């Protein structure tokens, strides 16, 4: 390579670097006044729960955890295919 070729490559590279810096500052510059974003605050979670209503939770309510028997359970062979 000739010395003029190396010089033209270096000058072109410097011009490209300066142009890219100016262009990137123009395109990606941010104005702090335009960067406002609303932040939504979530209420804290605690371990306190309200007392349930006495209308549904009282001593006369049905207990869904109890086994319910319908009629006398005298059939010991429940999978008998006799049709009875």
PDB file of N, CA and C in Angstrom:
ATOM      1  N   UNK A   1       0.831  -1.171   0.000  1.00  0.00           N
ATOM      2  CA  UNK A   1       0.000   0.000   0.000  1.00  0.00           C
ATOM      3  C   UNK A   1       0.879   1.240   0.000  1.00  0.00           C
ATOM      4  N   UNK A   2       0.366   2.225  -0.625  1.00  0.00           N
ATOM      5  CA  UNK A   2       1.082   3.493  -0.670  1.00  0.00           C
ATOM      6  C   UNK A   2       0.730   4.307   0.576  1.00  0.00           C
ATOM      7  N   UNK A   3       1.558   5.272   0.859  1.00  0.00           N
ATOM      8  CA  UNK A   3       1.354   6.100   2.039  1.00  0.00           C
ATOM      9  C   UNK A   3       0.083   6.942   1.912  1.00  0.00           C
ATOM     10  N   UNK A   4      -0.302   7.321   0.697  1.00  0.00           N
ATOM     11  CA  UNK A   4      -1.536   8.081   0.488  1.00  0.00           C
ATOM     12  C   UNK A   4      -2.776   7.226   0.792  1.00  0.00           C
ATOM     13  N   UNK A   5      -2.708   5.929   0.494  1.00  0.00           N
ATOM     14  CA  UNK A   5      -3.830   5.032   0.775  1.00  0.00           C
ATOM     15  C   UNK A   5      -4.043   4.883   2.288  1.00  0.00           C
ATOM     16  N   UNK A   6      -2.964   4.715   3.025  1.00  0.00           N
ATOM     17  CA  UNK A   6      -3.063   4.568   4.477  1.00  0.00           C
ATOM     18  C   UNK A   6      -3.619   5.854   5.084  1.00  0.00           C
ATOM     19  N   UNK A   7      -3.146   6.991   4.589  1.00  0.00           N
ATOM     20  CA  UNK A   7      -3.626   8.271   5.093  1.00  0.00           C
ATOM     21  C   UNK A   7      -5.106   8.458   4.798  1.00  0.00           C
ATOM     22  N   UNK A   8      -5.568   8.081   3.632  1.00  0.00           N
ATOM     23  CA  UNK A   8      -6.986   8.229   3.305  1.00  0.00           C
ATOM     24  C   UNK A   8      -7.858   7.281   4.130  1.00  0.00           C
ATOM     25  N   UNK A   9      -7.357   6.095   4.445  1.00  0.00           N
ATOM     26  CA  UNK A   9      -8.101   5.156   5.300  1.00  0.00           C
ATOM     27  C   UNK A   9      -8.224   5.718   6.715  1.00  0.00           C
ATOM     28  N   UNK A  10      -7.144   6.293   7.248  1.00  0.00           N
ATOM     29  CA  UNK A  10      -7.164   6.853   8.595  1.00  0.00           C
ATOM     30  C   UNK A  10      -8.109   8.057   8.657  1.00  0.00           C
ATOM     31  N   UNK A  11      -8.057   8.933   7.652  1.00  0.00           N
ATOM     32  CA  UNK A  11      -8.943  10.099   7.623  1.00  0.00           C
ATOM     33  C   UNK A  11     -10.397   9.660   7.515  1.00  0.00           C
ATOM     34  N   UNK A  12     -10.684   8.663   6.683  1.00  0.00           N
ATOM     35  CA  UNK A  12     -12.051   8.149   6.542  1.00  0.00           C
ATOM     36  C   UNK A  12     -12.544   7.540   7.856  1.00  0.00           C
ATOM     37  N   UNK A  13     -11.673   6.819   8.553  1.00  0.00           N
ATOM     38  CA  UNK A  13     -12.053   6.210   9.830  1.00  0.00           C
ATOM     39  C   UNK A  13     -12.347   7.282  10.876  1.00  0.00           C
ATOM     40  N   UNK A  14     -11.529   8.311  10.938  1.00  0.00           N
ATOM     41  CA  UNK A  14     -11.752   9.389  11.910  1.00  0.00           C
ATOM     42  C   UNK A  14     -13.058  10.119  11.611  1.00  0.00           C
ATOM     43  N   UNK A  15     -13.311  10.400  10.338  1.00  0.00           N
ATOM     44  CA  UNK A  15     -14.561  11.069   9.963  1.00  0.00           C
ATOM     45  C   UNK A  15     -15.764  10.184  10.322  1.00  0.00           C
ATOM     46  N   UNK A  16     -15.646   8.869  10.076  1.00  0.00           N
ATOM     47  CA  UNK A  16     -16.743   7.944  10.398  1.00  0.00           C
ATOM     48  C   UNK A  16     -16.973   7.878  11.904  1.00  0.00           C
ATOM     49  N   UNK A  17     -15.914   7.880  12.692  1.00  0.00           N
ATOM     50  CA  UNK A  17     -16.058   7.834  14.158  1.00  0.00           C
ATOM     51  C   UNK A  17     -16.731   9.099  14.667  1.00  0.00           C
ATOM     52  N   UNK A  18     -16.282  10.254  14.190  1.00  0.00           N
ATOM     53  CA  UNK A  18     -16.881  11.513  14.643  1.00  0.00           C
ATOM     54  C   UNK A  18     -18.340  11.596  14.220  1.00  0.00           C
ATOM     55  N   UNK A  19     -18.638  11.207  12.994  1.00  0.00           N
ATOM     56  CA  UNK A  19     -20.022  11.243  12.517  1.00  0.00           C
ATOM     57  C   UNK A  19     -20.903  10.291  13.307  1.00  0.00           C
ATOM     58  N   UNK A  20     -20.395   9.113  13.642  1.00  0.00           N
ATOM     59  CA  UNK A  20     -21.210   8.154  14.404  1.00  0.00           C
ATOM     60  C   UNK A  20     -21.451   8.629  15.830  1.00  0.00           C
ATOM     61  N   UNK A  21     -20.472   9.292  16.438  1.00  0.00           N
ATOM     62  CA  UNK A  21     -20.667   9.825  17.789  1.00  0.00           C
ATOM     63  C   UNK A  21     -21.721  10.937  17.779  1.00  0.00           C
ATOM     64  N   UNK A  22     -21.625  11.846  16.813  1.00  0.00           N
ATOM     65  CA  UNK A  22     -22.599  12.941  16.727  1.00  0.00           C
ATOM     66  C   UNK A  22     -23.993  12.392  16.438  1.00  0.00           C
ATOM     67  N   UNK A  23     -24.103  11.446  15.522  1.00  0.00           N
ATOM     68  CA  UNK A  23     -25.400  10.867  15.169  1.00  0.00           C
ATOM     69  C   UNK A  23     -25.998  10.077  16.333  1.00  0.00           C
ATOM     70  N   UNK A  24     -25.176   9.318  17.058  1.00  0.00           N
ATOM     71  CA  UNK A  24     -25.702   8.544  18.193  1.00  0.00           C
ATOM     72  C   UNK A  24     -26.143   9.456  19.326  1.00  0.00           C
ATOM     73  N   UNK A  25     -25.422  10.546  19.554  1.00  0.00           N
ATOM     74  CA  UNK A  25     -25.860  11.504  20.580  1.00  0.00           C
ATOM     75  C   UNK A  25     -27.170  12.170  20.191  1.00  0.00           C
ATOM     76  N   UNK A  26     -27.363  12.396  18.925  1.00  0.00           N
ATOM     77  CA  UNK A  26     -28.605  13.009  18.459  1.00  0.00           C
ATOM     78  C   UNK A  26     -29.776  12.034  18.557  1.00  0.00           C
ATOM     79  N   UNK A  27     -29.551  10.782  18.164  1.00  0.00           N
ATOM     80  CA  UNK A  27     -30.641   9.796  18.140  1.00  0.00           C
ATOM     81  C   UNK A  27     -30.976   9.244  19.521  1.00  0.00           C
ATOM     82  N   UNK A  28     -29.969   8.999  20.328  1.00  0.00           N
ATOM     83  CA  UNK A  28     -30.186   8.311  21.597  1.00  0.00           C
ATOM     84  C   UNK A  28     -30.115   9.235  22.806  1.00  0.00           C
ATOM     85  N   UNK A  29     -30.083  10.506  22.586  1.00  0.00           N
ATOM     86  CA  UNK A  29     -30.041  11.413  23.729  1.00  0.00           C
ATOM     87  C   UNK A  29     -31.405  11.400  24.411  1.00  0.00           C
ATOM     88  N   UNK A  30     -31.388  11.508  25.715  1.00  0.00           N
ATOM     89  CA  UNK A  30     -32.643  11.485  26.465  1.00  0.00           C
ATOM     90  C   UNK A  30     -32.745  12.745  27.297  1.00  0.00           C
ATOM     91  N   UNK A  31     -33.910  13.293  27.263  1.00  0.00           N
ATOM     92  CA  UNK A  31     -34.197  14.467  28.061  1.00  0.00           C
ATOM     93  C   UNK A  31     -34.841  13.982  29.359  1.00  0.00           C
ATOM     94  N   UNK A  32     -34.288  14.301  30.526  1.00  0.00           N
ATOM     95  CA  UNK A  32     -34.857  13.786  31.783  1.00  0.00           C
ATOM     96  C   UNK A  32     -36.299  14.186  32.020  1.00  0.00           C
ATOM     97  N   UNK A  33     -36.753  15.271  31.434  1.00  0.00           N
ATOM     98  CA  UNK A  33     -38.136  15.678  31.651  1.00  0.00           C
ATOM     99  C   UNK A  33     -39.119  14.797  30.883  1.00  0.00           C
ATOM    100  N   UNK A  34     -38.656  14.087  29.864  1.00  0.00           N
ATOM    101  CA  UNK A  34     -39.545  13.205  29.102  1.00  0.00           C
ATOM    102  C   UNK A  34     -39.482  11.771  29.588  1.00  0.00           C
ATOM    103  N   UNK A  35     -38.701  11.499  30.609  1.00  0.00           N
ATOM    104  CA  UNK A  35     -38.534  10.128  31.089  1.00  0.00           C
ATOM    105  C   UNK A  35     -39.401   9.823  32.306  1.00  0.00           C
ATOM    106  N   UNK A  36     -40.485  10.529  32.490  1.00  0.00           N
ATOM    107  CA  UNK A  36     -41.360  10.283  33.638  1.00  0.00           C
ATOM    108  C   UNK A  36     -42.318   9.147  33.323  1.00  0.00           C
ATOM    109  N   UNK A  37     -42.335   8.170  34.199  1.00  0.00           N
ATOM    110  CA  UNK A  37     -43.219   7.023  34.062  1.00  0.00           C
ATOM    111  C   UNK A  37     -43.935   6.848  35.392  1.00  0.00           C
ATOM    112  N   UNK A  38     -45.274   6.709  35.372  1.00  0.00           N
ATOM    113  CA  UNK A  38     -45.979   6.547  36.655  1.00  0.00           C
ATOM    114  C   UNK A  38     -45.650   5.195  37.294  1.00  0.00           C
ATOM    115  N   UNK A  39     -45.530   5.220  38.594  1.00  0.00           N
ATOM    116  CA  UNK A  39     -45.227   4.009  39.344  1.00  0.00           C
ATOM    117  C   UNK A  39     -46.433   3.686  40.207  1.00  0.00           C
ATOM    118  N   UNK A  40     -46.944   2.485  40.063  1.00  0.00           N
ATOM    119  CA  UNK A  40     -48.105   2.055  40.833  1.00  0.00           C
ATOM    120  C   UNK A  40     -47.630   1.345  42.089  1.00  0.00           C
ATOM    121  N   UNK A  41     -48.129   1.779  43.227  1.00  0.00           N
ATOM    122  CA  UNK A  41     -47.729   1.171  44.484  1.00  0.00           C
ATOM    123  C   UNK A  41     -48.749   0.122  44.887  1.00  0.00           C
ATOM    124  N   UNK A  42     -48.239  -1.004  45.286  1.00  0.00           N
ATOM    125  CA  UNK A  42     -49.074  -2.123  45.712  1.00  0.00           C
ATOM    126  C   UNK A  42     -49.133  -2.121  47.233  1.00  0.00           C
ATOM    127  N   UNK A  43     -50.325  -2.293  47.802  1.00  0.00           N
ATOM    128  CA  UNK A  43     -50.406  -2.294  49.267  1.00  0.00           C
ATOM    129  C   UNK A  43     -49.664  -3.496  49.858  1.00  0.00           C
ATOM    130  N   UNK A  44     -49.164  -3.316  51.042  1.00  0.00           N
ATOM    131  CA  UNK A  44     -48.406  -4.389  51.685  1.00  0.00           C
ATOM    132  C   UNK A  44     -49.327  -5.535  52.080  1.00  0.00           C
ATOM    133  N   UNK A  45     -48.769  -6.715  52.097  1.00  0.00           N
ATOM    134  CA  UNK A  45     -49.505  -7.920  52.490  1.00  0.00           C
ATOM    135  C   UNK A  45     -49.165  -8.204  53.950  1.00  0.00           C
ATOM    136  N   UNK A  46     -50.191  -8.435  54.753  1.00  0.00           N
ATOM    137  CA  UNK A  46     -49.933  -8.744  56.152  1.00  0.00           C
ATOM    138  C   UNK A  46     -50.593 -10.078  56.520  1.00  0.00           C
ATOM    139  N   UNK A  47     -50.356 -10.498  57.727  1.00  0.00           N
ATOM    140  CA  UNK A  47     -50.875 -11.795  58.170  1.00  0.00           C
ATOM    141  C   UNK A  47     -52.182 -11.671  58.940  1.00  0.00           C
ATOM    142  N   UNK A  48     -52.837 -10.568  58.864  1.00  0.00           N
ATOM    143  CA  UNK A  48     -54.106 -10.364  59.567  1.00  0.00           C
ATOM    144  C   UNK A  48     -55.253 -10.464  58.566  1.00  0.00           C
ATOM    145  N   UNK A  49     -56.237 -11.288  58.902  1.00  0.00           N
ATOM    146  CA  UNK A  49     -57.412 -11.464  58.059  1.00  0.00           C
ATOM    147  C   UNK A  49     -58.652 -10.999  58.816  1.00  0.00           C
ATOM    148  N   UNK A  50     -59.649 -10.504  58.114  1.00  0.00           N
ATOM    149  CA  UNK A  50     -60.869 -10.095  58.817  1.00  0.00           C
ATOM    150  C   UNK A  50     -61.614 -11.315  59.364  1.00  0.00           C
ATOM    151  N   UNK A  51     -62.348 -11.098  60.427  1.00  0.00           N
ATOM    152  CA  UNK A  51     -63.119 -12.186  61.029  1.00  0.00           C
ATOM    153  C   UNK A  51     -64.287 -12.525  60.094  1.00  0.00           C
ATOM    154  N   UNK A  52     -64.471 -13.820  59.765  1.00  0.00           N
ATOM    155  CA  UNK A  52     -65.555 -14.190  58.847  1.00  0.00           C
ATOM    156  C   UNK A  52     -66.927 -13.951  59.470  1.00  0.00           C
ATOM    157  N   UNK A  53     -67.908 -13.854  58.612  1.00  0.00           N
ATOM    158  CA  UNK A  53     -69.264 -13.562  59.036  1.00  0.00           C
ATOM    159  C   UNK A  53     -69.848 -14.717  59.850  1.00  0.00           C
ATOM    160  N   UNK A  54     -70.556 -14.389  60.914  1.00  0.00           N
ATOM    161  CA  UNK A  54     -71.224 -15.409  61.737  1.00  0.00           C
ATOM    162  C   UNK A  54     -72.408 -16.024  61.000  1.00  0.00           C
ATOM    163  N   UNK A  55     -72.839 -15.403  59.930  1.00  0.00           N
ATOM    164  CA  UNK A  55     -73.943 -15.949  59.145  1.00  0.00           C
ATOM    165  C   UNK A  55     -73.551 -17.286  58.527  1.00  0.00           C
ATOM    166  N   UNK A  56     -72.306 -17.424  58.116  1.00  0.00           N
ATOM    167  CA  UNK A  56     -71.858 -18.647  57.454  1.00  0.00           C
ATOM    168  C   UNK A  56     -71.019 -19.542  58.359  1.00  0.00           C
ATOM    169  N   UNK A  57     -70.301 -18.961  59.283  1.00  0.00           N
ATOM    170  CA  UNK A  57     -69.424 -19.734  60.154  1.00  0.00           C
ATOM    171  C   UNK A  57     -69.963 -19.689  61.572  1.00  0.00           C
ATOM    172  N   UNK A  58     -70.815 -20.669  61.905  1.00  0.00           N
ATOM    173  CA  UNK A  58     -71.365 -20.757  63.246  1.00  0.00           C
ATOM    174  C   UNK A  58     -71.476 -22.226  63.627  1.00  0.00           C
ATOM    175  N   UNK A  59     -71.965 -22.491  64.825  1.00  0.00           N
ATOM    176  CA  UNK A  59     -72.018 -23.867  65.330  1.00  0.00           C
ATOM    177  C   UNK A  59     -73.064 -24.707  64.608  1.00  0.00           C
ATOM    178  N   UNK A  60     -74.084 -24.090  63.980  1.00  0.00           N
ATOM    179  CA  UNK A  60     -75.127 -24.848  63.298  1.00  0.00           C
ATOM    180  C   UNK A  60     -74.812 -25.064  61.803  1.00  0.00           C
ATOM    181  N   UNK A  61     -73.717 -24.585  61.325  1.00  0.00           N
ATOM    182  CA  UNK A  61     -73.382 -24.741  59.903  1.00  0.00           C
ATOM    183  C   UNK A  61     -73.027 -26.189  59.587  1.00  0.00           C
ATOM    184  N   UNK A  62     -73.180 -26.548  58.334  1.00  0.00           N
ATOM    185  CA  UNK A  62     -72.826 -27.898  57.884  1.00  0.00           C
ATOM    186  C   UNK A  62     -71.315 -27.982  57.785  1.00  0.00           C
ATOM    187  N   UNK A  63     -70.766 -29.080  58.311  1.00  0.00           N
ATOM    188  CA  UNK A  63     -69.326 -29.303  58.260  1.00  0.00           C
ATOM    189  C   UNK A  63     -69.019 -30.118  57.006  1.00  0.00           C
ATOM    190  N   UNK A  64     -68.409 -29.546  55.971  1.00  0.00           N
ATOM    191  CA  UNK A  64     -68.175 -30.287  54.728  1.00  0.00           C
ATOM    192  C   UNK A  64     -67.092 -31.348  54.857  1.00  0.00           C
ATOM    193  N   UNK A  65     -66.397 -31.410  55.978  1.00  0.00           N
ATOM    194  CA  UNK A  65     -65.343 -32.410  56.118  1.00  0.00           C
ATOM    195  C   UNK A  65     -65.864 -33.718  56.696  1.00  0.00           C
ATOM    196  N   UNK A  66     -67.129 -33.769  57.096  1.00  0.00           N
ATOM    197  CA  UNK A  66     -67.691 -34.986  57.676  1.00  0.00           C
ATOM    198  C   UNK A  66     -68.208 -35.910  56.582  1.00  0.00           C
ATOM    199  N   UNK A  67     -68.104 -37.195  56.790  1.00  0.00           N
ATOM    200  CA  UNK A  67     -68.617 -38.197  55.856  1.00  0.00           C
ATOM    201  C   UNK A  67     -70.134 -38.239  55.979  1.00  0.00           C
ATOM    202  N   UNK A  68     -70.815 -38.210  54.839  1.00  0.00           N
ATOM    203  CA  UNK A  68     -72.268 -38.229  54.833  1.00  0.00           C
ATOM    204  C   UNK A  68     -72.722 -39.617  54.408  1.00  0.00           C
ATOM    205  N   UNK A  69     -73.516 -40.263  55.252  1.00  0.00           N
ATOM    206  CA  UNK A  69     -74.073 -41.575  54.935  1.00  0.00           C
ATOM    207  C   UNK A  69     -75.536 -41.403  54.589  1.00  0.00           C
ATOM    208  N   UNK A  70     -75.928 -41.935  53.442  1.00  0.00           N
ATOM    209  CA  UNK A  70     -77.323 -41.871  53.021  1.00  0.00           C
ATOM    210  C   UNK A  70     -77.909 -43.267  53.169  1.00  0.00           C
ATOM    211  N   UNK A  71     -78.826 -43.422  54.102  1.00  0.00           N
ATOM    212  CA  UNK A  71     -79.483 -44.701  54.333  1.00  0.00           C
ATOM    213  C   UNK A  71     -78.562 -45.698  55.009  1.00  0.00           C
ATOM    214  N   UNK A  72     -79.108 -46.890  55.316  1.00  0.00           N
ATOM    215  CA  UNK A  72     -78.283 -47.913  55.966  1.00  0.00           C
ATOM    216  C   UNK A  72     -77.278 -48.490  54.965  1.00  0.00           C
ATOM    217  N   UNK A  73     -76.064 -48.668  55.373  1.00  0.00           N
ATOM    218  CA  UNK A  73     -75.019 -49.201  54.510  1.00  0.00           C
ATOM    219  C   UNK A  73     -74.741 -50.655  54.807  1.00  0.00           C
ATOM    220  N   UNK A  74     -75.709 -51.552  54.517  1.00  0.00           N
ATOM    221  CA  UNK A  74     -75.558 -52.967  54.821  1.00  0.00           C
ATOM    222  C   UNK A  74     -74.942 -53.750  53.660  1.00  0.00           C
ATOM    223  N   UNK A  75     -74.793 -53.167  52.506  1.00  0.00           N
ATOM    224  CA  UNK A  75     -74.271 -53.869  51.342  1.00  0.00           C
ATOM    225  C   UNK A  75     -72.754 -53.967  51.463  1.00  0.00           C
ATOM    226  N   UNK A  76     -72.257 -55.173  51.607  1.00  0.00           N
ATOM    227  CA  UNK A  76     -70.816 -55.380  51.726  1.00  0.00           C
ATOM    228  C   UNK A  76     -70.184 -55.655  50.359  1.00  0.00           C
ATOM    229  N   UNK A  77     -70.982 -56.030  49.369  1.00  0.00           N
ATOM    230  CA  UNK A  77     -70.477 -56.303  48.037  1.00  0.00           C
ATOM    231  C   UNK A  77     -71.044 -55.239  47.093  1.00  0.00           C
ATOM    232  N   UNK A  78     -70.418 -54.086  47.079  1.00  0.00           N
ATOM    233  CA  UNK A  78     -71.016 -52.971  46.346  1.00  0.00           C
ATOM    234  C   UNK A  78     -70.820 -53.063  44.840  1.00  0.00           C
ATOM    235  N   UNK A  79     -69.899 -53.871  44.374  1.00  0.00           N
ATOM    236  CA  UNK A  79     -69.658 -54.014  42.939  1.00  0.00           C
ATOM    237  C   UNK A  79     -70.224 -55.317  42.385  1.00  0.00           C
ATOM    238  N   UNK A  80     -71.250 -55.801  42.981  1.00  0.00           N
ATOM    239  CA  UNK A  80     -71.900 -57.023  42.521  1.00  0.00           C
ATOM    240  C   UNK A  80     -72.776 -56.671  41.310  1.00  0.00           C
ATOM    241  N   UNK A  81     -72.639 -57.393  40.219  1.00  0.00           N
ATOM    242  CA  UNK A  81     -73.372 -57.127  38.997  1.00  0.00           C
ATOM    243  C   UNK A  81     -74.670 -57.925  38.919  1.00  0.00           C
ATOM    244  N   UNK A  82     -75.245 -58.284  40.048  1.00  0.00           N
ATOM    245  CA  UNK A  82     -76.464 -59.077  40.014  1.00  0.00           C
ATOM    246  C   UNK A  82     -77.680 -58.242  39.680  1.00  0.00           C
ATOM    247  N   UNK A  83     -77.586 -56.925  39.729  1.00  0.00           N
ATOM    248  CA  UNK A  83     -78.705 -56.063  39.378  1.00  0.00           C
ATOM    249  C   UNK A  83     -79.620 -55.772  40.526  1.00  0.00           C
ATOM    250  N   UNK A  84     -79.313 -56.182  41.721  1.00  0.00           N
ATOM    251  CA  UNK A  84     -80.159 -55.937  42.885  1.00  0.00           C
ATOM    252  C   UNK A  84     -79.870 -54.631  43.495  1.00  0.00           C
TER     253      UNK A  84
END
